[in-house]
Amino acid sequence: MERVSFYVDGFNFYHGLKRLKIADSDWQKFYWMDFVKFFQHFIGENQILQKVYYFTAPPLKPHKSNRQSELLEANKALNGNRFEVVKGQFMKNKLYARYASKYILSLKKNGRT
């Protein structure tokens, strides 16, 4: 058996669902989903789903952050070690490609990374 892992960009996944909800309101029910069960549908017969890695950052608004935490905790409770959250940090500042490398270097220089 081949072991398979999925890596999910939570920000883009959520906003993709949000766009679908505008076109078809039935998509709203997918905001609360079992991610391991969902991705299980994408693996082949000779594969086993080992883990789903969900990359995200907490929303800036407290009520949205609380809802996100509840969703992620529910998935962890349902799936144990098969679901892992990798938390990042949402950055308010817009970075443009030509400035991004200078910004990252300055963070490293000041011990902020």
PDB file of N, CA and C in Angstrom:
ATOM      1  N   MET A   1       0.827  -1.193   0.000  1.00  0.00           N
ATOM      2  CA  MET A   1       0.000   0.000   0.000  1.00  0.00           C
ATOM      3  C   MET A   1       0.876   1.262   0.000  1.00  0.00           C
ATOM      4  N   GLU A   2       0.491   2.191  -0.823  1.00  0.00           N
ATOM      5  CA  GLU A   2       1.180   3.471  -0.899  1.00  0.00           C
ATOM      6  C   GLU A   2       0.524   4.445   0.079  1.00  0.00           C
ATOM      7  N   ARG A   3       1.347   5.110   0.890  1.00  0.00           N
ATOM      8  CA  ARG A   3       0.831   6.082   1.846  1.00  0.00           C
ATOM      9  C   ARG A   3       0.782   7.461   1.196  1.00  0.00           C
ATOM     10  N   VAL A   4      -0.324   8.170   1.433  1.00  0.00           N
ATOM     11  CA  VAL A   4      -0.553   9.478   0.813  1.00  0.00           C
ATOM     12  C   VAL A   4      -0.844  10.501   1.900  1.00  0.00           C
ATOM     13  N   SER A   5      -0.273  11.690   1.743  1.00  0.00           N
ATOM     14  CA  SER A   5      -0.580  12.827   2.621  1.00  0.00           C
ATOM     15  C   SER A   5      -1.072  13.982   1.766  1.00  0.00           C
ATOM     16  N   PHE A   6      -1.964  14.779   2.329  1.00  0.00           N
ATOM     17  CA  PHE A   6      -2.465  15.974   1.656  1.00  0.00           C
ATOM     18  C   PHE A   6      -1.986  17.202   2.421  1.00  0.00           C
ATOM     19  N   TYR A   7      -1.615  18.224   1.675  1.00  0.00           N
ATOM     20  CA  TYR A   7      -1.171  19.502   2.228  1.00  0.00           C
ATOM     21  C   TYR A   7      -2.167  20.556   1.776  1.00  0.00           C
ATOM     22  N   VAL A   8      -2.864  21.160   2.731  1.00  0.00           N
ATOM     23  CA  VAL A   8      -3.962  22.066   2.412  1.00  0.00           C
ATOM     24  C   VAL A   8      -3.585  23.492   2.794  1.00  0.00           C
ATOM     25  N   ASP A   9      -3.719  24.400   1.846  1.00  0.00           N
ATOM     26  CA  ASP A   9      -3.585  25.820   2.122  1.00  0.00           C
ATOM     27  C   ASP A   9      -4.962  26.276   2.602  1.00  0.00           C
ATOM     28  N   GLY A  10      -5.138  26.350   3.919  1.00  0.00           N
ATOM     29  CA  GLY A  10      -6.437  26.637   4.513  1.00  0.00           C
ATOM     30  C   GLY A  10      -7.048  27.948   4.060  1.00  0.00           C
ATOM     31  N   PHE A  11      -6.234  28.986   3.896  1.00  0.00           N
ATOM     32  CA  PHE A  11      -6.738  30.289   3.476  1.00  0.00           C
ATOM     33  C   PHE A  11      -7.396  30.191   2.106  1.00  0.00           C
ATOM     34  N   ASN A  12      -6.690  29.607   1.143  1.00  0.00           N
ATOM     35  CA  ASN A  12      -7.240  29.494  -0.206  1.00  0.00           C
ATOM     36  C   ASN A  12      -8.378  28.485  -0.275  1.00  0.00           C
ATOM     37  N   PHE A  13      -8.309  27.432   0.523  1.00  0.00           N
ATOM     38  CA  PHE A  13      -9.398  26.447   0.556  1.00  0.00           C
ATOM     39  C   PHE A  13     -10.690  27.114   1.030  1.00  0.00           C
ATOM     40  N   TYR A  14     -10.602  27.843   2.146  1.00  0.00           N
ATOM     41  CA  TYR A  14     -11.769  28.528   2.709  1.00  0.00           C
ATOM     42  C   TYR A  14     -12.342  29.542   1.716  1.00  0.00           C
ATOM     43  N   HIS A  15     -11.480  30.371   1.150  1.00  0.00           N
ATOM     44  CA  HIS A  15     -11.975  31.413   0.246  1.00  0.00           C
ATOM     45  C   HIS A  15     -12.492  30.833  -1.072  1.00  0.00           C
ATOM     46  N   GLY A  16     -11.964  29.681  -1.476  1.00  0.00           N
ATOM     47  CA  GLY A  16     -12.517  28.989  -2.634  1.00  0.00           C
ATOM     48  C   GLY A  16     -13.939  28.519  -2.358  1.00  0.00           C
ATOM     49  N   LEU A  17     -14.168  27.966  -1.164  1.00  0.00           N
ATOM     50  CA  LEU A  17     -15.526  27.558  -0.779  1.00  0.00           C
ATOM     51  C   LEU A  17     -16.452  28.769  -0.698  1.00  0.00           C
ATOM     52  N   LYS A  18     -15.917  29.859  -0.191  1.00  0.00           N
ATOM     53  CA  LYS A  18     -16.729  31.075  -0.059  1.00  0.00           C
ATOM     54  C   LYS A  18     -17.193  31.567  -1.438  1.00  0.00           C
ATOM     55  N   ARG A  19     -16.314  31.487  -2.436  1.00  0.00           N
ATOM     56  CA  ARG A  19     -16.689  31.880  -3.794  1.00  0.00           C
ATOM     57  C   ARG A  19     -17.746  30.949  -4.367  1.00  0.00           C
ATOM     58  N   LEU A  20     -17.622  29.656  -4.072  1.00  0.00           N
ATOM     59  CA  LEU A  20     -18.616  28.694  -4.550  1.00  0.00           C
ATOM     60  C   LEU A  20     -19.976  28.949  -3.906  1.00  0.00           C
ATOM     61  N   LYS A  21     -19.963  29.366  -2.636  1.00  0.00           N
ATOM     62  CA  LYS A  21     -21.215  29.641  -1.924  1.00  0.00           C
ATOM     63  C   LYS A  21     -21.979  30.774  -2.602  1.00  0.00           C
ATOM     64  N   ILE A  22     -21.274  31.728  -3.152  1.00  0.00           N
ATOM     65  CA  ILE A  22     -21.933  32.838  -3.856  1.00  0.00           C
ATOM     66  C   ILE A  22     -22.697  32.299  -5.066  1.00  0.00           C
ATOM     67  N   ALA A  23     -22.103  31.333  -5.767  1.00  0.00           N
ATOM     68  CA  ALA A  23     -22.744  30.750  -6.945  1.00  0.00           C
ATOM     69  C   ALA A  23     -23.839  29.759  -6.566  1.00  0.00           C
ATOM     70  N   ASP A  24     -23.641  29.032  -5.457  1.00  0.00           N
ATOM     71  CA  ASP A  24     -24.591  27.996  -5.051  1.00  0.00           C
ATOM     72  C   ASP A  24     -24.565  27.907  -3.524  1.00  0.00           C
ATOM     73  N   SER A  25     -25.612  28.360  -2.864  1.00  0.00           N
ATOM     74  CA  SER A  25     -25.626  28.445  -1.403  1.00  0.00           C
ATOM     75  C   SER A  25     -25.480  27.091  -0.711  1.00  0.00           C
ATOM     76  N   ASP A  26     -25.707  25.981  -1.407  1.00  0.00           N
ATOM     77  CA  ASP A  26     -25.519  24.660  -0.802  1.00  0.00           C
ATOM     78  C   ASP A  26     -24.073  24.415  -0.383  1.00  0.00           C
ATOM     79  N   TRP A  27     -23.144  25.130  -0.978  1.00  0.00           N
ATOM     80  CA  TRP A  27     -21.738  24.943  -0.631  1.00  0.00           C
ATOM     81  C   TRP A  27     -21.429  25.404   0.782  1.00  0.00           C
ATOM     82  N   GLN A  28     -22.282  26.207   1.388  1.00  0.00           N
ATOM     83  CA  GLN A  28     -22.036  26.713   2.734  1.00  0.00           C
ATOM     84  C   GLN A  28     -21.884  25.568   3.747  1.00  0.00           C
ATOM     85  N   LYS A  29     -22.574  24.463   3.525  1.00  0.00           N
ATOM     86  CA  LYS A  29     -22.500  23.344   4.461  1.00  0.00           C
ATOM     87  C   LYS A  29     -21.100  22.726   4.515  1.00  0.00           C
ATOM     88  N   PHE A  30     -20.264  23.003   3.519  1.00  0.00           N
ATOM     89  CA  PHE A  30     -18.927  22.431   3.500  1.00  0.00           C
ATOM     90  C   PHE A  30     -17.919  23.226   4.327  1.00  0.00           C
ATOM     91  N   TYR A  31     -18.329  24.340   4.910  1.00  0.00           N
ATOM     92  CA  TYR A  31     -17.422  25.056   5.815  1.00  0.00           C
ATOM     93  C   TYR A  31     -17.047  24.165   6.995  1.00  0.00           C
ATOM     94  N   TRP A  32     -17.992  23.355   7.458  1.00  0.00           N
ATOM     95  CA  TRP A  32     -17.746  22.441   8.570  1.00  0.00           C
ATOM     96  C   TRP A  32     -17.618  21.047   7.993  1.00  0.00           C
ATOM     97  N   MET A  33     -16.403  20.640   7.741  1.00  0.00           N
ATOM     98  CA  MET A  33     -16.198  19.331   7.136  1.00  0.00           C
ATOM     99  C   MET A  33     -15.110  18.564   7.874  1.00  0.00           C
ATOM    100  N   ASP A  34     -15.196  17.268   7.731  1.00  0.00           N
ATOM    101  CA  ASP A  34     -14.164  16.359   8.204  1.00  0.00           C
ATOM    102  C   ASP A  34     -13.147  16.278   7.059  1.00  0.00           C
ATOM    103  N   PHE A  35     -12.003  16.937   7.228  1.00  0.00           N
ATOM    104  CA  PHE A  35     -11.035  17.032   6.145  1.00  0.00           C
ATOM    105  C   PHE A  35     -10.444  15.681   5.766  1.00  0.00           C
ATOM    106  N   VAL A  36     -10.193  14.830   6.736  1.00  0.00           N
ATOM    107  CA  VAL A  36      -9.642  13.511   6.426  1.00  0.00           C
ATOM    108  C   VAL A  36     -10.643  12.712   5.601  1.00  0.00           C
ATOM    109  N   LYS A  37     -11.888  12.738   6.001  1.00  0.00           N
ATOM    110  CA  LYS A  37     -12.930  12.022   5.246  1.00  0.00           C
ATOM    111  C   LYS A  37     -13.067  12.600   3.836  1.00  0.00           C
ATOM    112  N   PHE A  38     -13.002  13.917   3.708  1.00  0.00           N
ATOM    113  CA  PHE A  38     -13.106  14.575   2.408  1.00  0.00           C
ATOM    114  C   PHE A  38     -11.986  14.124   1.467  1.00  0.00           C
ATOM    115  N   PHE A  39     -10.735  14.185   1.957  1.00  0.00           N
ATOM    116  CA  PHE A  39      -9.604  13.851   1.095  1.00  0.00           C
ATOM    117  C   PHE A  39      -9.478  12.351   0.857  1.00  0.00           C
ATOM    118  N   GLN A  40     -10.113  11.556   1.683  1.00  0.00           N
ATOM    119  CA  GLN A  40     -10.147  10.111   1.492  1.00  0.00           C
ATOM    120  C   GLN A  40     -10.742   9.764   0.116  1.00  0.00           C
ATOM    121  N   HIS A  41     -11.631  10.614  -0.364  1.00  0.00           N
ATOM    122  CA  HIS A  41     -12.284  10.380  -1.655  1.00  0.00           C
ATOM    123  C   HIS A  41     -11.351  10.555  -2.854  1.00  0.00           C
ATOM    124  N   PHE A  42     -10.161  11.112  -2.638  1.00  0.00           N
ATOM    125  CA  PHE A  42      -9.253  11.404  -3.737  1.00  0.00           C
ATOM    126  C   PHE A  42      -8.103  10.407  -3.876  1.00  0.00           C
ATOM    127  N   ILE A  43      -8.080   9.392  -3.037  1.00  0.00           N
ATOM    128  CA  ILE A  43      -6.974   8.442  -3.116  1.00  0.00           C
ATOM    129  C   ILE A  43      -7.392   7.202  -3.894  1.00  0.00           C
ATOM    130  N   GLY A  44      -6.397   6.513  -4.437  1.00  0.00           N
ATOM    131  CA  GLY A  44      -6.643   5.332  -5.252  1.00  0.00           C
ATOM    132  C   GLY A  44      -6.836   4.070  -4.421  1.00  0.00           C
ATOM    133  N   GLU A  45      -7.130   2.981  -5.114  1.00  0.00           N
ATOM    134  CA  GLU A  45      -7.412   1.703  -4.461  1.00  0.00           C
ATOM    135  C   GLU A  45      -6.220   1.165  -3.674  1.00  0.00           C
ATOM    136  N   ASN A  46      -5.024   1.352  -4.177  1.00  0.00           N
ATOM    137  CA  ASN A  46      -3.824   0.825  -3.522  1.00  0.00           C
ATOM    138  C   ASN A  46      -3.133   1.877  -2.658  1.00  0.00           C
ATOM    139  N   GLN A  47      -3.893   2.856  -2.212  1.00  0.00           N
ATOM    140  CA  GLN A  47      -3.335   3.928  -1.386  1.00  0.00           C
ATOM    141  C   GLN A  47      -4.070   3.999  -0.054  1.00  0.00           C
ATOM    142  N   ILE A  48      -3.357   4.509   0.933  1.00  0.00           N
ATOM    143  CA  ILE A  48      -3.949   4.732   2.251  1.00  0.00           C
ATOM    144  C   ILE A  48      -3.639   6.168   2.665  1.00  0.00           C
ATOM    145  N   LEU A  49      -4.649   6.851   3.179  1.00  0.00           N
ATOM    146  CA  LEU A  49      -4.455   8.239   3.612  1.00  0.00           C
ATOM    147  C   LEU A  49      -3.753   8.243   4.966  1.00  0.00           C
ATOM    148  N   GLN A  50      -2.525   8.727   4.956  1.00  0.00           N
ATOM    149  CA  GLN A  50      -1.740   8.760   6.179  1.00  0.00           C
ATOM    150  C   GLN A  50      -2.049  10.001   7.011  1.00  0.00           C
ATOM    151  N   LYS A  51      -2.088  11.183   6.343  1.00  0.00           N
ATOM    152  CA  LYS A  51      -2.233  12.413   7.114  1.00  0.00           C
ATOM    153  C   LYS A  51      -2.693  13.562   6.233  1.00  0.00           C
ATOM    154  N   VAL A  52      -3.444  14.484   6.843  1.00  0.00           N
ATOM    155  CA  VAL A  52      -3.807  15.749   6.211  1.00  0.00           C
ATOM    156  C   VAL A  52      -3.131  16.851   7.029  1.00  0.00           C
ATOM    157  N   TYR A  53      -2.303  17.635   6.356  1.00  0.00           N
ATOM    158  CA  TYR A  53      -1.652  18.795   6.972  1.00  0.00           C
ATOM    159  C   TYR A  53      -2.433  20.024   6.545  1.00  0.00           C
ATOM    160  N   TYR A  54      -2.931  20.763   7.502  1.00  0.00           N
ATOM    161  CA  TYR A  54      -3.764  21.934   7.227  1.00  0.00           C
ATOM    162  C   TYR A  54      -3.006  23.182   7.665  1.00  0.00           C
ATOM    163  N   PHE A  55      -2.555  23.961   6.697  1.00  0.00           N
ATOM    164  CA  PHE A  55      -1.785  25.177   6.960  1.00  0.00           C
ATOM    165  C   PHE A  55      -2.735  26.359   7.036  1.00  0.00           C
ATOM    166  N   THR A  56      -2.615  27.140   8.108  1.00  0.00           N
ATOM    167  CA  THR A  56      -3.519  28.268   8.285  1.00  0.00           C
ATOM    168  C   THR A  56      -2.911  29.305   9.221  1.00  0.00           C
ATOM    169  N   ALA A  57      -3.578  30.418   9.316  1.00  0.00           N
ATOM    170  CA  ALA A  57      -3.250  31.466  10.286  1.00  0.00           C
ATOM    171  C   ALA A  57      -4.568  31.888  10.925  1.00  0.00           C
ATOM    172  N   PRO A  58      -4.554  32.217  12.203  1.00  0.00           N
ATOM    173  CA  PRO A  58      -5.807  32.639  12.841  1.00  0.00           C
ATOM    174  C   PRO A  58      -6.320  33.941  12.226  1.00  0.00           C
ATOM    175  N   PRO A  59      -7.631  34.018  11.947  1.00  0.00           N
ATOM    176  CA  PRO A  59      -8.204  35.269  11.450  1.00  0.00           C
ATOM    177  C   PRO A  59      -8.005  36.392  12.470  1.00  0.00           C
ATOM    178  N   LEU A  60      -8.005  37.613  11.986  1.00  0.00           N
ATOM    179  CA  LEU A  60      -7.776  38.757  12.864  1.00  0.00           C
ATOM    180  C   LEU A  60      -8.977  39.082  13.756  1.00  0.00           C
ATOM    181  N   LYS A  61     -10.185  38.763  13.287  1.00  0.00           N
ATOM    182  CA  LYS A  61     -11.388  39.045  14.081  1.00  0.00           C
ATOM    183  C   LYS A  61     -11.619  37.899  15.064  1.00  0.00           C
ATOM    184  N   PRO A  62     -11.767  38.227  16.372  1.00  0.00           N
ATOM    185  CA  PRO A  62     -11.884  37.183  17.399  1.00  0.00           C
ATOM    186  C   PRO A  62     -13.010  36.167  17.162  1.00  0.00           C
ATOM    187  N   HIS A  63     -14.186  36.597  16.718  1.00  0.00           N
ATOM    188  CA  HIS A  63     -15.276  35.636  16.528  1.00  0.00           C
ATOM    189  C   HIS A  63     -14.967  34.661  15.390  1.00  0.00           C
ATOM    190  N   LYS A  64     -14.258  35.131  14.366  1.00  0.00           N
ATOM    191  CA  LYS A  64     -13.866  34.243  13.275  1.00  0.00           C
ATOM    192  C   LYS A  64     -12.752  33.300  13.716  1.00  0.00           C
ATOM    193  N   SER A  65     -11.859  33.814  14.532  1.00  0.00           N
ATOM    194  CA  SER A  65     -10.771  32.988  15.050  1.00  0.00           C
ATOM    195  C   SER A  65     -11.326  31.860  15.927  1.00  0.00           C
ATOM    196  N   ASN A  66     -12.342  32.179  16.736  1.00  0.00           N
ATOM    197  CA  ASN A  66     -12.964  31.163  17.595  1.00  0.00           C
ATOM    198  C   ASN A  66     -13.631  30.071  16.761  1.00  0.00           C
ATOM    199  N   ARG A  67     -14.325  30.469  15.709  1.00  0.00           N
ATOM    200  CA  ARG A  67     -14.984  29.472  14.839  1.00  0.00           C
ATOM    201  C   ARG A  67     -13.951  28.586  14.149  1.00  0.00           C
ATOM    202  N   GLN A  68     -12.866  29.202  13.697  1.00  0.00           N
ATOM    203  CA  GLN A  68     -11.820  28.415  13.052  1.00  0.00           C
ATOM    204  C   GLN A  68     -11.222  27.418  14.046  1.00  0.00           C
ATOM    205  N   SER A  69     -10.957  27.860  15.270  1.00  0.00           N
ATOM    206  CA  SER A  69     -10.408  26.967  16.297  1.00  0.00           C
ATOM    207  C   SER A  69     -11.332  25.791  16.564  1.00  0.00           C
ATOM    208  N   GLU A  70     -12.642  26.050  16.626  1.00  0.00           N
ATOM    209  CA  GLU A  70     -13.608  24.977  16.855  1.00  0.00           C
ATOM    210  C   GLU A  70     -13.572  23.954  15.723  1.00  0.00           C
ATOM    211  N   LEU A  71     -13.499  24.433  14.485  1.00  0.00           N
ATOM    212  CA  LEU A  71     -13.424  23.535  13.328  1.00  0.00           C
ATOM    213  C   LEU A  71     -12.167  22.669  13.389  1.00  0.00           C
ATOM    214  N   LEU A  72     -11.034  23.287  13.658  1.00  0.00           N
ATOM    215  CA  LEU A  72      -9.773  22.552  13.675  1.00  0.00           C
ATOM    216  C   LEU A  72      -9.711  21.575  14.843  1.00  0.00           C
ATOM    217  N   GLU A  73     -10.233  21.976  16.005  1.00  0.00           N
ATOM    218  CA  GLU A  73     -10.267  21.079  17.161  1.00  0.00           C
ATOM    219  C   GLU A  73     -11.195  19.892  16.909  1.00  0.00           C
ATOM    220  N   ALA A  74     -12.307  20.130  16.242  1.00  0.00           N
ATOM    221  CA  ALA A  74     -13.240  19.042  15.907  1.00  0.00           C
ATOM    222  C   ALA A  74     -12.554  18.042  14.974  1.00  0.00           C
ATOM    223  N   ASN A  75     -11.828  18.537  13.984  1.00  0.00           N
ATOM    224  CA  ASN A  75     -11.122  17.642  13.068  1.00  0.00           C
ATOM    225  C   ASN A  75     -10.038  16.846  13.785  1.00  0.00           C
ATOM    226  N   LYS A  76      -9.352  17.483  14.711  1.00  0.00           N
ATOM    227  CA  LYS A  76      -8.323  16.787  15.482  1.00  0.00           C
ATOM    228  C   LYS A  76      -8.962  15.707  16.357  1.00  0.00           C
ATOM    229  N   ALA A  77     -10.105  16.023  16.967  1.00  0.00           N
ATOM    230  CA  ALA A  77     -10.797  15.047  17.815  1.00  0.00           C
ATOM    231  C   ALA A  77     -11.289  13.851  16.981  1.00  0.00           C
ATOM    232  N   LEU A  78     -11.786  14.113  15.787  1.00  0.00           N
ATOM    233  CA  LEU A  78     -12.284  13.039  14.920  1.00  0.00           C
ATOM    234  C   LEU A  78     -11.167  12.157  14.361  1.00  0.00           C
ATOM    235  N   ASN A  79     -10.033  12.768  14.070  1.00  0.00           N
ATOM    236  CA  ASN A  79      -9.008  12.075  13.289  1.00  0.00           C
ATOM    237  C   ASN A  79      -7.675  11.863  13.980  1.00  0.00           C
ATOM    238  N   GLY A  80      -7.501  12.394  15.165  1.00  0.00           N
ATOM    239  CA  GLY A  80      -6.254  12.185  15.911  1.00  0.00           C
ATOM    240  C   GLY A  80      -5.030  12.602  15.121  1.00  0.00           C
ATOM    241  N   ASN A  81      -4.059  11.690  15.044  1.00  0.00           N
ATOM    242  CA  ASN A  81      -2.784  11.981  14.381  1.00  0.00           C
ATOM    243  C   ASN A  81      -2.883  12.077  12.867  1.00  0.00           C
ATOM    244  N   ARG A  82      -4.015  11.749  12.309  1.00  0.00           N
ATOM    245  CA  ARG A  82      -4.170  11.825  10.851  1.00  0.00           C
ATOM    246  C   ARG A  82      -4.475  13.250  10.386  1.00  0.00           C
ATOM    247  N   PHE A  83      -4.679  14.174  11.329  1.00  0.00           N
ATOM    248  CA  PHE A  83      -4.952  15.569  11.002  1.00  0.00           C
ATOM    249  C   PHE A  83      -4.025  16.451  11.820  1.00  0.00           C
ATOM    250  N   GLU A  84      -3.240  17.270  11.121  1.00  0.00           N
ATOM    251  CA  GLU A  84      -2.298  18.152  11.814  1.00  0.00           C
ATOM    252  C   GLU A  84      -2.456  19.580  11.304  1.00  0.00           C
ATOM    253  N   VAL A  85      -2.537  20.501  12.245  1.00  0.00           N
ATOM    254  CA  VAL A  85      -2.649  21.920  11.912  1.00  0.00           C
ATOM    255  C   VAL A  85      -1.261  22.543  12.011  1.00  0.00           C
ATOM    256  N   VAL A  86      -0.888  23.256  10.964  1.00  0.00           N
ATOM    257  CA  VAL A  86       0.372  23.996  10.949  1.00  0.00           C
ATOM    258  C   VAL A  86      -0.017  25.465  10.924  1.00  0.00           C
ATOM    259  N   LYS A  87       0.203  26.138  12.065  1.00  0.00           N
ATOM    260  CA  LYS A  87      -0.222  27.536  12.178  1.00  0.00           C
ATOM    261  C   LYS A  87       0.882  28.494  11.772  1.00  0.00           C
ATOM    262  N   GLY A  88       0.465  29.473  11.006  1.00  0.00           N
ATOM    263  CA  GLY A  88       1.352  30.544  10.592  1.00  0.00           C
ATOM    264  C   GLY A  88       0.854  31.846  11.182  1.00  0.00           C
ATOM    265  N   GLN A  89       1.231  32.909  10.551  1.00  0.00           N
ATOM    266  CA  GLN A  89       0.845  34.231  11.038  1.00  0.00           C
ATOM    267  C   GLN A  89       0.341  35.045   9.862  1.00  0.00           C
ATOM    268  N   PHE A  90      -0.831  35.624  10.038  1.00  0.00           N
ATOM    269  CA  PHE A  90      -1.401  36.481   9.000  1.00  0.00           C
ATOM    270  C   PHE A  90      -0.682  37.823   9.051  1.00  0.00           C
ATOM    271  N   MET A  91      -0.243  38.279   7.887  1.00  0.00           N
ATOM    272  CA  MET A  91       0.455  39.557   7.831  1.00  0.00           C
ATOM    273  C   MET A  91      -0.451  40.597   7.203  1.00  0.00           C
ATOM    274  N   LYS A  92      -0.646  41.690   7.900  1.00  0.00           N
ATOM    275  CA  LYS A  92      -1.503  42.767   7.416  1.00  0.00           C
ATOM    276  C   LYS A  92      -0.863  43.531   6.265  1.00  0.00           C
ATOM    277  N   ASN A  93       0.449  43.637   6.294  1.00  0.00           N
ATOM    278  CA  ASN A  93       1.148  44.429   5.291  1.00  0.00           C
ATOM    279  C   ASN A  93       1.157  43.733   3.943  1.00  0.00           C
ATOM    280  N   LYS A  94       1.002  44.514   2.907  1.00  0.00           N
ATOM    281  CA  LYS A  94       1.127  43.972   1.560  1.00  0.00           C
ATOM    282  C   LYS A  94       2.600  43.966   1.197  1.00  0.00           C
ATOM    283  N   LEU A  95       3.059  42.842   0.692  1.00  0.00           N
ATOM    284  CA  LEU A  95       4.442  42.744   0.250  1.00  0.00           C
ATOM    285  C   LEU A  95       4.452  42.581  -1.265  1.00  0.00           C
ATOM    286  N   TYR A  96       5.271  43.324  -1.896  1.00  0.00           N
ATOM    287  CA  TYR A  96       5.428  43.184  -3.327  1.00  0.00           C
ATOM    288  C   TYR A  96       6.712  42.407  -3.572  1.00  0.00           C
ATOM    289  N   ALA A  97       6.726  41.595  -4.595  1.00  0.00           N
ATOM    290  CA  ALA A  97       7.821  40.652  -4.841  1.00  0.00           C
ATOM    291  C   ALA A  97       9.196  41.316  -4.751  1.00  0.00           C
ATOM    292  N   ARG A  98       9.347  42.490  -5.313  1.00  0.00           N
ATOM    293  CA  ARG A  98      10.683  43.093  -5.317  1.00  0.00           C
ATOM    294  C   ARG A  98      11.116  43.552  -3.921  1.00  0.00           C
ATOM    295  N   TYR A  99      10.168  43.744  -2.997  1.00  0.00           N
ATOM    296  CA  TYR A  99      10.501  44.159  -1.639  1.00  0.00           C
ATOM    297  C   TYR A  99      10.502  42.990  -0.655  1.00  0.00           C
ATOM    298  N   ALA A 100       9.898  41.905  -1.027  1.00  0.00           N
ATOM    299  CA  ALA A 100       9.724  40.792  -0.096  1.00  0.00           C
ATOM    300  C   ALA A 100      11.059  40.260   0.413  1.00  0.00           C
ATOM    301  N   SER A 101      12.022  40.050  -0.462  1.00  0.00           N
ATOM    302  CA  SER A 101      13.299  39.481  -0.026  1.00  0.00           C
ATOM    303  C   SER A 101      14.018  40.429   0.928  1.00  0.00           C
ATOM    304  N   LYS A 102      13.969  41.740   0.667  1.00  0.00           N
ATOM    305  CA  LYS A 102      14.583  42.710   1.580  1.00  0.00           C
ATOM    306  C   LYS A 102      13.895  42.686   2.938  1.00  0.00           C
ATOM    307  N   TYR A 103      12.566  42.569   2.932  1.00  0.00           N
ATOM    308  CA  TYR A 103      11.792  42.530   4.175  1.00  0.00           C
ATOM    309  C   TYR A 103      12.153  41.291   4.988  1.00  0.00           C
ATOM    310  N   ILE A 104      12.218  40.152   4.339  1.00  0.00           N
ATOM    311  CA  ILE A 104      12.544  38.901   5.030  1.00  0.00           C
ATOM    312  C   ILE A 104      13.956  38.954   5.582  1.00  0.00           C
ATOM    313  N   LEU A 105      14.892  39.484   4.813  1.00  0.00           N
ATOM    314  CA  LEU A 105      16.272  39.613   5.298  1.00  0.00           C
ATOM    315  C   LEU A 105      16.332  40.522   6.528  1.00  0.00           C
ATOM    316  N   SER A 106      15.568  41.610   6.511  1.00  0.00           N
ATOM    317  CA  SER A 106      15.593  42.514   7.675  1.00  0.00           C
ATOM    318  C   SER A 106      15.003  41.833   8.907  1.00  0.00           C
ATOM    319  N   LEU A 107      13.977  40.994   8.720  1.00  0.00           N
ATOM    320  CA  LEU A 107      13.412  40.247   9.850  1.00  0.00           C
ATOM    321  C   LEU A 107      14.451  39.285  10.432  1.00  0.00           C
ATOM    322  N   LYS A 108      15.159  38.583   9.548  1.00  0.00           N
ATOM    323  CA  LYS A 108      16.181  37.647   9.995  1.00  0.00           C
ATOM    324  C   LYS A 108      17.290  38.383  10.740  1.00  0.00           C
ATOM    325  N   LYS A 109      17.685  39.519  10.193  1.00  0.00           N
ATOM    326  CA  LYS A 109      18.775  40.308  10.787  1.00  0.00           C
ATOM    327  C   LYS A 109      18.390  40.758  12.207  1.00  0.00           C
ATOM    328  N   ASN A 110      17.120  41.069  12.419  1.00  0.00           N
ATOM    329  CA  ASN A 110      16.640  41.537  13.716  1.00  0.00           C
ATOM    330  C   ASN A 110      16.134  40.401  14.604  1.00  0.00           C
ATOM    331  N   GLY A 111      16.365  39.157  14.181  1.00  0.00           N
ATOM    332  CA  GLY A 111      15.984  38.000  14.982  1.00  0.00           C
ATOM    333  C   GLY A 111      14.499  37.772  15.113  1.00  0.00           C
ATOM    334  N   ARG A 112      13.729  38.174  14.089  1.00  0.00           N
ATOM    335  CA  ARG A 112      12.249  38.054  14.172  1.00  0.00           C
ATOM    336  C   ARG A 112      11.713  36.881  13.359  1.00  0.00           C
ATOM    337  N   THR A 113      12.584  36.026  12.842  1.00  0.00           N
ATOM    338  CA  THR A 113      12.093  34.850  12.112  1.00  0.00           C
ATOM    339  C   THR A 113      12.609  33.592  12.765  1.00  0.00           C
TER     340      THR A 113
END
